[in-house]
Every structure is written in structure tokens, then in C-alpha cells.
């Protein structure tokens, strides 16, 4: 056998920070292994998985856009307690690492799970939310995952902010959640937690122009955008003295679980500061 490796697949893929993260941890732990980016287009995922499951050195993959829904359709097998209602998986790994799985059907040879769920909820596992609603900006896949993952916390209600309130209502219906929709240009509700699950504020996209004045002093603001790390929303939240959580928090949270599944070791948290500095460059 050769060097064990895992991959991140998607299209495009060059922007992914996952190889930096996983290689950093492998280096710090002194482990032999590799983590590679690979462009896989929509519709090609089944061919990729059929090939990789025959490779005894392959330890699994993370899937990014546009492959998460496709991965769910191929596997639909979730690790107990780690699934959500988002119909979206981002991680696949062989049931028996190091043993070619070609003799088994694809959805039996591999396990799929969503490590995004852990990345989303991890910052709040010891957090006590004050009364107020959960407010999520966006109606895409990230918003769906945020709503599904955070619905277990005792918020007064769920509110989706969108330029298309109809799409927001459709998302609530799809998740079988009670809540309401609100136009993005309306004043913010007094949220206990505000989550930006849209691409607004990301490099190459328009800024997210929000007045945070309606938020109470105990509110937390969570921006899932991590490029740049210091988004306008995060800067505005810090200027208000609110709890501000940047997109690297979720990125690292889901990566830690993926690393454990692939390489059977816990990611070394004592180097988080150094890793964050590298990711922010």
C-alpha cells in the first residue's frame, strides 16, 4: 500500500482551503498522508466514487458545490446523529478503510455524512441564547443547512431574510419548519442569532448592507463567508460589541470532523491560532 490520502472534489475547486487545513494537521501530527483537490463536474461524481473505492489508499472525500446534493442521492447513508434535513452530504468514506470496496454496491461500500452540521452548531454548544428569533439571510444550500442544524436551539421563531420572500417561504415548507419570510431591505428583527448564509460580502460579490441597530446587545452574528475572513458584517458586529463569529469557525469545525473520519485522529486544536493566520493570508 502507498500513502493514505483524501480529497476535496467540486467544480470549481482551486479556491478550496481544505487541502491547506488537512495538510497542516497531518504535518503537525507527524502523520504520513495527503489531502488533494480534484475537479469533478456535476454528473461525474458516480464515476469518481466507483474509481476511488477500488483504491486501498483512498480514505474518503469532501464534496463541495455543486456535488453535495448529488452525493446525497448516490449514498443517502448518514452517520447516526450527524445528518440533518438539508438533503445534502459533504463527506464520503469507505466502510473498511484500506480494503477495496468494489465487490459491494456503491451505497453499501461507502458512508455519507454531513460534517457541515457540526461546523454550524459547534460555536453554540455551550452558549445560552437569550430570548429572540433565529434570523438567516439567504435561501440557498447554506441557508437550508443553517436552518436545519440550528433548529434544535430554543429560538422564539425562525425568520429568513431574502430578496425573494417567496423562495424563503418555500424553504420553510421544504424543511417543515414554522417561521416567516422578510425582504432583505426591511429592518432586522431583534435576533438572538443572525446568520449570513448568502454569498453577500464574499470576495467578488456585493457587500451585505445591513443596519445592525435593531439587534439587542446579547445578539450573536455568524457570517458563513470566509473569504475575506473579516467581512463587513463581522466588522459591523464587532463595532457594536456583539458576539461575532467568522466563517473560518464553520470551515474548521467541519474539517475537524472530516479529518477524524479520514485519518482516524483528532485534529490538534492547540495550533488553531497558527492555522487561522495561514488561512487568513
C-alpha atoms as a PDB file:
ATOM      1  CA  UNK A   1       0.000   0.000   0.000  1.00  0.00           C
ATOM      2  CA  UNK A   2       1.049   3.565  -0.632  1.00  0.00           C
ATOM      3  CA  UNK A   3       0.391   6.836   1.178  1.00  0.00           C
ATOM      4  CA  UNK A   4      -3.159   7.187   2.511  1.00  0.00           C
ATOM      5  CA  UNK A   5      -4.967  10.187   1.081  1.00  0.00           C
ATOM      6  CA  UNK A   6      -8.289  12.002   0.999  1.00  0.00           C
ATOM      7  CA  UNK A   7      -9.613  14.633  -1.383  1.00  0.00           C
ATOM      8  CA  UNK A   8     -11.958  17.559  -1.802  1.00  0.00           C
ATOM      9  CA  UNK A   9     -13.989  17.432  -5.013  1.00  0.00           C
ATOM     10  CA  UNK A  10     -16.110  20.039  -6.743  1.00  0.00           C
ATOM     11  CA  UNK A  11     -16.268  22.477  -9.622  1.00  0.00           C
ATOM     12  CA  UNK A  12     -14.590  24.923  -9.289  1.00  0.00           C
ATOM     13  CA  UNK A  13     -12.117  23.622  -6.724  1.00  0.00           C
ATOM     14  CA  UNK A  14      -8.972  25.775  -6.881  1.00  0.00           C
ATOM     15  CA  UNK A  15     -10.347  28.149  -4.238  1.00  0.00           C
ATOM     16  CA  UNK A  16     -10.735  25.429  -1.590  1.00  0.00           C
ATOM     17  CA  UNK A  17      -8.827  25.918   1.658  1.00  0.00           C
ATOM     18  CA  UNK A  18      -9.388  22.307   2.736  1.00  0.00           C
ATOM     19  CA  UNK A  19      -6.031  20.993   1.421  1.00  0.00           C
ATOM     20  CA  UNK A  20      -4.162  23.613   3.451  1.00  0.00           C
ATOM     21  CA  UNK A  21      -6.116  22.678   6.583  1.00  0.00           C
ATOM     22  CA  UNK A  22      -5.724  18.901   6.355  1.00  0.00           C
ATOM     23  CA  UNK A  23      -2.064  19.022   5.310  1.00  0.00           C
ATOM     24  CA  UNK A  24      -1.367  21.370   8.209  1.00  0.00           C
ATOM     25  CA  UNK A  25      -2.831  18.873  10.680  1.00  0.00           C
ATOM     26  CA  UNK A  26      -1.044  15.910   9.090  1.00  0.00           C
ATOM     27  CA  UNK A  27       2.242  17.783   9.380  1.00  0.00           C
ATOM     28  CA  UNK A  28       1.682  18.791  12.999  1.00  0.00           C
ATOM     29  CA  UNK A  29       0.816  15.212  13.964  1.00  0.00           C
ATOM     30  CA  UNK A  30       3.785  13.798  12.045  1.00  0.00           C
ATOM     31  CA  UNK A  31       1.446  11.536  10.079  1.00  0.00           C
ATOM     32  CA  UNK A  32       2.017  10.078   6.654  1.00  0.00           C
ATOM     33  CA  UNK A  33      -0.855  11.141   4.439  1.00  0.00           C
ATOM     34  CA  UNK A  34      -2.076  13.568   1.827  1.00  0.00           C
ATOM     35  CA  UNK A  35      -5.163  15.631   1.027  1.00  0.00           C
ATOM     36  CA  UNK A  36      -5.722  16.789  -2.545  1.00  0.00           C
ATOM     37  CA  UNK A  37      -8.110  18.989  -4.526  1.00  0.00           C
ATOM     38  CA  UNK A  38      -9.707  17.457  -7.612  1.00  0.00           C
ATOM     39  CA  UNK A  39     -12.103  18.997 -10.073  1.00  0.00           C
ATOM     40  CA  UNK A  40     -15.172  16.795 -10.500  1.00  0.00           C
ATOM     41  CA  UNK A  41     -18.052  18.189 -12.535  1.00  0.00           C
ATOM     42  CA  UNK A  42     -21.753  17.685 -11.907  1.00  0.00           C
ATOM     43  CA  UNK A  43     -22.769  14.252 -13.155  1.00  0.00           C
ATOM     44  CA  UNK A  44     -19.249  12.823 -12.814  1.00  0.00           C
ATOM     45  CA  UNK A  45     -19.351  12.017  -9.102  1.00  0.00           C
ATOM     46  CA  UNK A  46     -20.519   8.422  -9.508  1.00  0.00           C
ATOM     47  CA  UNK A  47     -17.591   7.665 -11.824  1.00  0.00           C
ATOM     48  CA  UNK A  48     -15.172   9.273  -9.377  1.00  0.00           C
ATOM     49  CA  UNK A  49     -16.513   7.232  -6.444  1.00  0.00           C
ATOM     50  CA  UNK A  50     -16.534   3.979  -8.425  1.00  0.00           C
ATOM     51  CA  UNK A  51     -12.861   4.531  -9.254  1.00  0.00           C
ATOM     52  CA  UNK A  52     -11.726   5.637  -5.804  1.00  0.00           C
ATOM     53  CA  UNK A  53     -13.402   2.865  -3.830  1.00  0.00           C
ATOM     54  CA  UNK A  54     -11.125   0.402  -5.613  1.00  0.00           C
ATOM     55  CA  UNK A  55      -8.041   2.240  -4.314  1.00  0.00           C
ATOM     56  CA  UNK A  56      -6.887   0.890  -0.909  1.00  0.00           C
ATOM     57  CA  UNK A  57      -5.041   4.157  -0.191  1.00  0.00           C
ATOM     58  CA  UNK A  58      -8.146   6.331  -0.572  1.00  0.00           C
ATOM     59  CA  UNK A  59      -9.655   7.377   2.756  1.00  0.00           C
ATOM     60  CA  UNK A  60     -12.572   9.438   1.526  1.00  0.00           C
ATOM     61  CA  UNK A  61     -13.551  12.825   0.165  1.00  0.00           C
ATOM     62  CA  UNK A  62     -15.260  16.067   0.981  1.00  0.00           C
ATOM     63  CA  UNK A  63     -17.700  17.286  -1.660  1.00  0.00           C
ATOM     64  CA  UNK A  64     -18.316  20.950  -2.288  1.00  0.00           C
ATOM     65  CA  UNK A  65     -20.522  22.744  -4.811  1.00  0.00           C
ATOM     66  CA  UNK A  66     -22.192  21.549  -6.971  1.00  0.00           C
ATOM     67  CA  UNK A  67     -21.873  17.959  -5.720  1.00  0.00           C
ATOM     68  CA  UNK A  68     -23.427  17.882  -2.243  1.00  0.00           C
ATOM     69  CA  UNK A  69     -26.947  17.074  -3.382  1.00  0.00           C
ATOM     70  CA  UNK A  70     -25.585  14.563  -5.890  1.00  0.00           C
ATOM     71  CA  UNK A  71     -23.619  12.810  -3.140  1.00  0.00           C
ATOM     72  CA  UNK A  72     -26.782  12.550  -1.065  1.00  0.00           C
ATOM     73  CA  UNK A  73     -28.623  10.988  -3.983  1.00  0.00           C
ATOM     74  CA  UNK A  74     -25.898   8.388  -4.518  1.00  0.00           C
ATOM     75  CA  UNK A  75     -25.382   7.351  -0.891  1.00  0.00           C
ATOM     76  CA  UNK A  76     -28.108   8.699   1.430  1.00  0.00           C
ATOM     77  CA  UNK A  77     -26.354   6.917   4.310  1.00  0.00           C
ATOM     78  CA  UNK A  78     -25.701   9.143   7.299  1.00  0.00           C
ATOM     79  CA  UNK A  79     -23.616   8.549  10.389  1.00  0.00           C
ATOM     80  CA  UNK A  80     -26.036   8.380  13.307  1.00  0.00           C
ATOM     81  CA  UNK A  81     -26.626  11.773  14.857  1.00  0.00           C
ATOM     82  CA  UNK A  82     -24.722  13.710  12.202  1.00  0.00           C
ATOM     83  CA  UNK A  83     -27.347  14.009   9.489  1.00  0.00           C
ATOM     84  CA  UNK A  84     -29.695  16.917   9.023  1.00  0.00           C
ATOM     85  CA  UNK A  85     -32.765  17.717   6.962  1.00  0.00           C
ATOM     86  CA  UNK A  86     -30.852  19.586   4.305  1.00  0.00           C
ATOM     87  CA  UNK A  87     -30.750  16.646   1.828  1.00  0.00           C
ATOM     88  CA  UNK A  88     -27.090  17.467   1.355  1.00  0.00           C
ATOM     89  CA  UNK A  89     -23.997  15.416   2.185  1.00  0.00           C
ATOM     90  CA  UNK A  90     -20.453  16.748   2.054  1.00  0.00           C
ATOM     91  CA  UNK A  91     -18.379  13.747   3.092  1.00  0.00           C
ATOM     92  CA  UNK A  92     -17.965  10.154   1.912  1.00  0.00           C
ATOM     93  CA  UNK A  93     -15.613   7.482   3.220  1.00  0.00           C
ATOM     94  CA  UNK A  94     -15.201   3.698   2.855  1.00  0.00           C
ATOM     95  CA  UNK A  95     -16.731   1.414   5.437  1.00  0.00           C
ATOM     96  CA  UNK A  96     -13.473  -0.550   5.625  1.00  0.00           C
ATOM     97  CA  UNK A  97     -10.543   1.832   5.013  1.00  0.00           C
ATOM     98  CA  UNK A  98      -7.611   0.192   3.257  1.00  0.00           C
ATOM     99  CA  UNK A  99      -9.736  -2.544   1.676  1.00  0.00           C
ATOM    100  CA  UNK A 100     -11.011  -2.118  -1.896  1.00  0.00           C
ATOM    101  CA  UNK A 101     -14.817  -1.903  -1.843  1.00  0.00           C
ATOM    102  CA  UNK A 102     -15.557  -2.787  -5.477  1.00  0.00           C
ATOM    103  CA  UNK A 103     -17.409  -6.001  -4.588  1.00  0.00           C
ATOM    104  CA  UNK A 104     -20.202  -4.069  -2.864  1.00  0.00           C
ATOM    105  CA  UNK A 105     -22.901  -1.733  -4.196  1.00  0.00           C
ATOM    106  CA  UNK A 106     -21.834   1.893  -4.018  1.00  0.00           C
ATOM    107  CA  UNK A 107     -24.288   2.853  -1.283  1.00  0.00           C
ATOM    108  CA  UNK A 108     -23.134  -0.077   0.859  1.00  0.00           C
ATOM    109  CA  UNK A 109     -19.394   0.302   0.286  1.00  0.00           C
ATOM    110  CA  UNK A 110     -19.352   3.973   1.279  1.00  0.00           C
ATOM    111  CA  UNK A 111     -20.866   6.020   4.085  1.00  0.00           C
ATOM    112  CA  UNK A 112     -22.035   9.575   3.518  1.00  0.00           C
ATOM    113  CA  UNK A 113     -22.485  12.206   6.183  1.00  0.00           C
ATOM    114  CA  UNK A 114     -22.700  15.950   6.672  1.00  0.00           C
ATOM    115  CA  UNK A 115     -19.878  17.448   8.701  1.00  0.00           C
ATOM    116  CA  UNK A 116     -21.334  20.907   7.956  1.00  0.00           C
ATOM    117  CA  UNK A 117     -23.792  20.238  10.749  1.00  0.00           C
ATOM    118  CA  UNK A 118     -21.037  20.060  13.364  1.00  0.00           C
ATOM    119  CA  UNK A 119     -19.341  23.142  11.948  1.00  0.00           C
ATOM    120  CA  UNK A 120     -22.565  25.110  12.233  1.00  0.00           C
ATOM    121  CA  UNK A 121     -23.534  24.173  15.780  1.00  0.00           C
ATOM    122  CA  UNK A 122     -20.095  23.832  17.405  1.00  0.00           C
ATOM    123  CA  UNK A 123     -19.754  27.535  18.383  1.00  0.00           C
ATOM    124  CA  UNK A 124     -23.006  27.303  20.337  1.00  0.00           C
ATOM    125  CA  UNK A 125     -22.718  24.004  22.187  1.00  0.00           C
ATOM    126  CA  UNK A 126     -22.025  25.848  25.462  1.00  0.00           C
ATOM    127  CA  UNK A 127     -23.856  29.044  24.520  1.00  0.00           C
ATOM    128  CA  UNK A 128     -27.051  30.108  26.293  1.00  0.00           C
ATOM    129  CA  UNK A 129     -29.210  32.101  23.908  1.00  0.00           C
ATOM    130  CA  UNK A 130     -31.296  34.948  25.254  1.00  0.00           C
ATOM    131  CA  UNK A 131     -34.899  35.259  24.015  1.00  0.00           C
ATOM    132  CA  UNK A 132     -35.205  36.240  20.383  1.00  0.00           C
ATOM    133  CA  UNK A 133     -35.549  34.798  16.892  1.00  0.00           C
ATOM    134  CA  UNK A 134     -33.072  32.997  14.658  1.00  0.00           C
ATOM    135  CA  UNK A 135     -32.602  35.147  11.556  1.00  0.00           C
ATOM    136  CA  UNK A 136     -30.980  33.577   8.479  1.00  0.00           C
ATOM    137  CA  UNK A 137     -30.021  35.522   5.364  1.00  0.00           C
ATOM    138  CA  UNK A 138     -30.345  33.569   2.122  1.00  0.00           C
ATOM    139  CA  UNK A 139     -32.358  30.731   0.598  1.00  0.00           C
ATOM    140  CA  UNK A 140     -29.656  28.521  -0.944  1.00  0.00           C
ATOM    141  CA  UNK A 141     -27.972  25.366   0.286  1.00  0.00           C
ATOM    142  CA  UNK A 142     -26.052  27.096   3.081  1.00  0.00           C
ATOM    143  CA  UNK A 143     -29.260  28.667   4.406  1.00  0.00           C
ATOM    144  CA  UNK A 144     -31.013  25.308   4.269  1.00  0.00           C
ATOM    145  CA  UNK A 145     -28.218  23.691   6.289  1.00  0.00           C
ATOM    146  CA  UNK A 146     -28.130  26.550   8.795  1.00  0.00           C
ATOM    147  CA  UNK A 147     -31.862  26.351   9.451  1.00  0.00           C
ATOM    148  CA  UNK A 148     -31.850  22.559   9.695  1.00  0.00           C
ATOM    149  CA  UNK A 149     -28.841  22.442  12.019  1.00  0.00           C
ATOM    150  CA  UNK A 150     -29.780  25.325  14.312  1.00  0.00           C
ATOM    151  CA  UNK A 151     -33.472  24.471  14.630  1.00  0.00           C
ATOM    152  CA  UNK A 152     -32.736  22.423  17.731  1.00  0.00           C
ATOM    153  CA  UNK A 153     -31.891  25.525  19.758  1.00  0.00           C
ATOM    154  CA  UNK A 154     -34.742  27.273  21.649  1.00  0.00           C
ATOM    155  CA  UNK A 155     -35.269  30.314  19.438  1.00  0.00           C
ATOM    156  CA  UNK A 156     -38.608  32.104  19.559  1.00  0.00           C
ATOM    157  CA  UNK A 157     -39.056  31.757  15.793  1.00  0.00           C
ATOM    158  CA  UNK A 158     -37.135  31.403  12.555  1.00  0.00           C
ATOM    159  CA  UNK A 159     -37.023  34.306  10.103  1.00  0.00           C
ATOM    160  CA  UNK A 160     -35.494  34.144   6.620  1.00  0.00           C
ATOM    161  CA  UNK A 161     -34.309  37.366   5.001  1.00  0.00           C
ATOM    162  CA  UNK A 162     -34.214  37.265   1.230  1.00  0.00           C
ATOM    163  CA  UNK A 163     -34.627  39.368  -1.867  1.00  0.00           C
ATOM    164  CA  UNK A 164     -37.228  36.754  -2.794  1.00  0.00           C
ATOM    165  CA  UNK A 165     -39.559  36.142   0.194  1.00  0.00           C
ATOM    166  CA  UNK A 166     -41.442  33.541  -1.859  1.00  0.00           C
ATOM    167  CA  UNK A 167     -38.312  31.400  -2.068  1.00  0.00           C
ATOM    168  CA  UNK A 168     -37.864  31.818   1.685  1.00  0.00           C
ATOM    169  CA  UNK A 169     -41.384  30.504   2.336  1.00  0.00           C
ATOM    170  CA  UNK A 170     -40.718  27.571   0.005  1.00  0.00           C
ATOM    171  CA  UNK A 171     -37.589  26.749   2.006  1.00  0.00           C
ATOM    172  CA  UNK A 172     -39.502  26.773   5.286  1.00  0.00           C
ATOM    173  CA  UNK A 173     -42.109  24.469   3.751  1.00  0.00           C
ATOM    174  CA  UNK A 174     -39.422  22.118   2.417  1.00  0.00           C
ATOM    175  CA  UNK A 175     -37.892  21.862   5.890  1.00  0.00           C
ATOM    176  CA  UNK A 176     -41.337  21.551   7.504  1.00  0.00           C
ATOM    177  CA  UNK A 177     -40.447  24.452   9.771  1.00  0.00           C
ATOM    178  CA  UNK A 178     -42.665  27.177  11.171  1.00  0.00           C
ATOM    179  CA  UNK A 179     -41.358  30.662  10.529  1.00  0.00           C
ATOM    180  CA  UNK A 180     -41.751  33.711   8.375  1.00  0.00           C
ATOM    181  CA  UNK A 181     -40.069  35.436   5.471  1.00  0.00           C
ATOM    182  CA  UNK A 182     -38.942  39.036   5.268  1.00  0.00           C
ATOM    183  CA  UNK A 183     -37.490  41.161   2.486  1.00  0.00           C
ATOM    184  CA  UNK A 184     -33.785  41.833   2.795  1.00  0.00           C
ATOM    185  CA  UNK A 185     -34.264  45.600   2.757  1.00  0.00           C
ATOM    186  CA  UNK A 186     -36.658  45.599   5.727  1.00  0.00           C
ATOM    187  CA  UNK A 187     -35.364  46.420   9.260  1.00  0.00           C
ATOM    188  CA  UNK A 188     -33.825  43.474  11.078  1.00  0.00           C
ATOM    189  CA  UNK A 189     -35.874  41.645  13.714  1.00  0.00           C
ATOM    190  CA  UNK A 190     -34.342  41.705  17.228  1.00  0.00           C
ATOM    191  CA  UNK A 191     -32.461  38.472  16.572  1.00  0.00           C
ATOM    192  CA  UNK A 192     -30.807  36.350  19.204  1.00  0.00           C
ATOM    193  CA  UNK A 193     -28.660  34.910  16.390  1.00  0.00           C
ATOM    194  CA  UNK A 194     -28.150  36.409  12.918  1.00  0.00           C
ATOM    195  CA  UNK A 195     -26.591  34.088  10.316  1.00  0.00           C
ATOM    196  CA  UNK A 196     -25.420  35.233   6.906  1.00  0.00           C
ATOM    197  CA  UNK A 197     -25.833  32.136   4.750  1.00  0.00           C
ATOM    198  CA  UNK A 198     -25.714  34.076   1.474  1.00  0.00           C
ATOM    199  CA  UNK A 199     -22.677  34.914  -0.695  1.00  0.00           C
ATOM    200  CA  UNK A 200     -23.130  38.631   0.007  1.00  0.00           C
ATOM    201  CA  UNK A 201     -19.904  40.006   1.412  1.00  0.00           C
ATOM    202  CA  UNK A 202     -17.798  37.304  -0.244  1.00  0.00           C
ATOM    203  CA  UNK A 203     -14.923  38.393  -2.418  1.00  0.00           C
ATOM    204  CA  UNK A 204     -16.338  39.134  -5.865  1.00  0.00           C
ATOM    205  CA  UNK A 205     -19.897  39.640  -4.578  1.00  0.00           C
ATOM    206  CA  UNK A 206     -21.732  42.783  -3.426  1.00  0.00           C
ATOM    207  CA  UNK A 207     -21.409  43.788   0.215  1.00  0.00           C
ATOM    208  CA  UNK A 208     -24.156  42.872   2.660  1.00  0.00           C
ATOM    209  CA  UNK A 209     -25.596  46.262   3.610  1.00  0.00           C
ATOM    210  CA  UNK A 210     -27.421  45.826   6.922  1.00  0.00           C
ATOM    211  CA  UNK A 211     -28.201  48.151   9.800  1.00  0.00           C
ATOM    212  CA  UNK A 212     -27.469  46.123  12.941  1.00  0.00           C
ATOM    213  CA  UNK A 213     -29.021  48.719  15.264  1.00  0.00           C
ATOM    214  CA  UNK A 214     -32.194  46.632  15.893  1.00  0.00           C
ATOM    215  CA  UNK A 215     -30.119  43.759  17.317  1.00  0.00           C
ATOM    216  CA  UNK A 216     -30.042  43.557  21.130  1.00  0.00           C
ATOM    217  CA  UNK A 217     -26.703  43.673  22.935  1.00  0.00           C
ATOM    218  CA  UNK A 218     -26.779  39.932  23.614  1.00  0.00           C
ATOM    219  CA  UNK A 219     -27.122  39.001  19.922  1.00  0.00           C
ATOM    220  CA  UNK A 220     -24.582  36.841  18.121  1.00  0.00           C
ATOM    221  CA  UNK A 221     -23.692  37.397  14.460  1.00  0.00           C
ATOM    222  CA  UNK A 222     -22.386  34.433  12.442  1.00  0.00           C
ATOM    223  CA  UNK A 223     -21.088  35.059   8.916  1.00  0.00           C
ATOM    224  CA  UNK A 224     -20.503  31.845   6.972  1.00  0.00           C
ATOM    225  CA  UNK A 225     -18.420  33.739   4.404  1.00  0.00           C
ATOM    226  CA  UNK A 226     -14.687  33.141   5.000  1.00  0.00           C
ATOM    227  CA  UNK A 227     -13.128  34.965   2.038  1.00  0.00           C
ATOM    228  CA  UNK A 228     -12.428  37.540   3.309  1.00  0.00           C
ATOM    229  CA  UNK A 229     -12.396  36.457   6.940  1.00  0.00           C
ATOM    230  CA  UNK A 230     -13.126  39.985   8.166  1.00  0.00           C
ATOM    231  CA  UNK A 231     -16.310  40.709   6.249  1.00  0.00           C
ATOM    232  CA  UNK A 232     -18.190  43.958   6.520  1.00  0.00           C
ATOM    233  CA  UNK A 233     -20.837  42.193   8.608  1.00  0.00           C
ATOM    234  CA  UNK A 234     -18.272  40.861  11.082  1.00  0.00           C
ATOM    235  CA  UNK A 235     -16.640  44.291  11.364  1.00  0.00           C
ATOM    236  CA  UNK A 236     -20.012  45.941  11.981  1.00  0.00           C
ATOM    237  CA  UNK A 237     -20.928  43.361  14.649  1.00  0.00           C
ATOM    238  CA  UNK A 238     -17.658  43.894  16.482  1.00  0.00           C
ATOM    239  CA  UNK A 239     -18.111  47.661  16.298  1.00  0.00           C
ATOM    240  CA  UNK A 240     -21.466  47.176  18.060  1.00  0.00           C
ATOM    241  CA  UNK A 241     -19.861  44.982  20.721  1.00  0.00           C
ATOM    242  CA  UNK A 242     -21.851  41.935  19.616  1.00  0.00           C
ATOM    243  CA  UNK A 243     -20.558  38.364  19.598  1.00  0.00           C
ATOM    244  CA  UNK A 244     -19.052  37.971  16.116  1.00  0.00           C
ATOM    245  CA  UNK A 245     -18.253  34.544  14.633  1.00  0.00           C
ATOM    246  CA  UNK A 246     -16.434  34.409  11.296  1.00  0.00           C
ATOM    247  CA  UNK A 247     -16.667  31.844   8.525  1.00  0.00           C
ATOM    248  CA  UNK A 248     -13.418  30.101   9.452  1.00  0.00           C
ATOM    249  CA  UNK A 249     -15.200  28.798  12.540  1.00  0.00           C
ATOM    250  CA  UNK A 250     -17.549  26.655  10.490  1.00  0.00           C
ATOM    251  CA  UNK A 251     -14.842  25.744   7.974  1.00  0.00           C
ATOM    252  CA  UNK A 252     -12.554  24.427  10.700  1.00  0.00           C
ATOM    253  CA  UNK A 253     -15.379  22.752  12.606  1.00  0.00           C
ATOM    254  CA  UNK A 254     -16.497  20.643   9.670  1.00  0.00           C
ATOM    255  CA  UNK A 255     -12.879  19.975   8.638  1.00  0.00           C
ATOM    256  CA  UNK A 256     -12.012  18.621  12.094  1.00  0.00           C
ATOM    257  CA  UNK A 257     -14.753  16.001  11.856  1.00  0.00           C
ATOM    258  CA  UNK A 258     -13.746  15.089   8.293  1.00  0.00           C
ATOM    259  CA  UNK A 259     -10.118  14.692   9.361  1.00  0.00           C
ATOM    260  CA  UNK A 260     -11.153  12.321  12.127  1.00  0.00           C
ATOM    261  CA  UNK A 261     -13.235  10.224   9.734  1.00  0.00           C
ATOM    262  CA  UNK A 262     -10.482  10.052   7.112  1.00  0.00           C
ATOM    263  CA  UNK A 263      -7.326   9.675   9.188  1.00  0.00           C
ATOM    264  CA  UNK A 264      -8.693   8.290  12.498  1.00  0.00           C
ATOM    265  CA  UNK A 265      -7.002  11.012  14.555  1.00  0.00           C
ATOM    266  CA  UNK A 266      -8.292  14.132  16.267  1.00  0.00           C
ATOM    267  CA  UNK A 267      -7.146  17.391  14.723  1.00  0.00           C
ATOM    268  CA  UNK A 268      -4.641  19.154  17.032  1.00  0.00           C
ATOM    269  CA  UNK A 269      -6.610  22.146  18.358  1.00  0.00           C
ATOM    270  CA  UNK A 270      -3.548  23.657  20.060  1.00  0.00           C
ATOM    271  CA  UNK A 271      -2.415  25.015  16.681  1.00  0.00           C
ATOM    272  CA  UNK A 272      -5.700  26.755  15.808  1.00  0.00           C
ATOM    273  CA  UNK A 273      -4.149  30.212  16.069  1.00  0.00           C
ATOM    274  CA  UNK A 274      -1.335  29.404  13.669  1.00  0.00           C
ATOM    275  CA  UNK A 275      -3.733  27.735  11.244  1.00  0.00           C
ATOM    276  CA  UNK A 276      -6.090  30.700  11.281  1.00  0.00           C
ATOM    277  CA  UNK A 277      -3.212  33.023  10.452  1.00  0.00           C
ATOM    278  CA  UNK A 278      -2.298  30.900   7.435  1.00  0.00           C
ATOM    279  CA  UNK A 279      -5.909  30.739   6.229  1.00  0.00           C
ATOM    280  CA  UNK A 280      -6.362  34.497   6.533  1.00  0.00           C
ATOM    281  CA  UNK A 281      -3.421  35.336   4.245  1.00  0.00           C
END
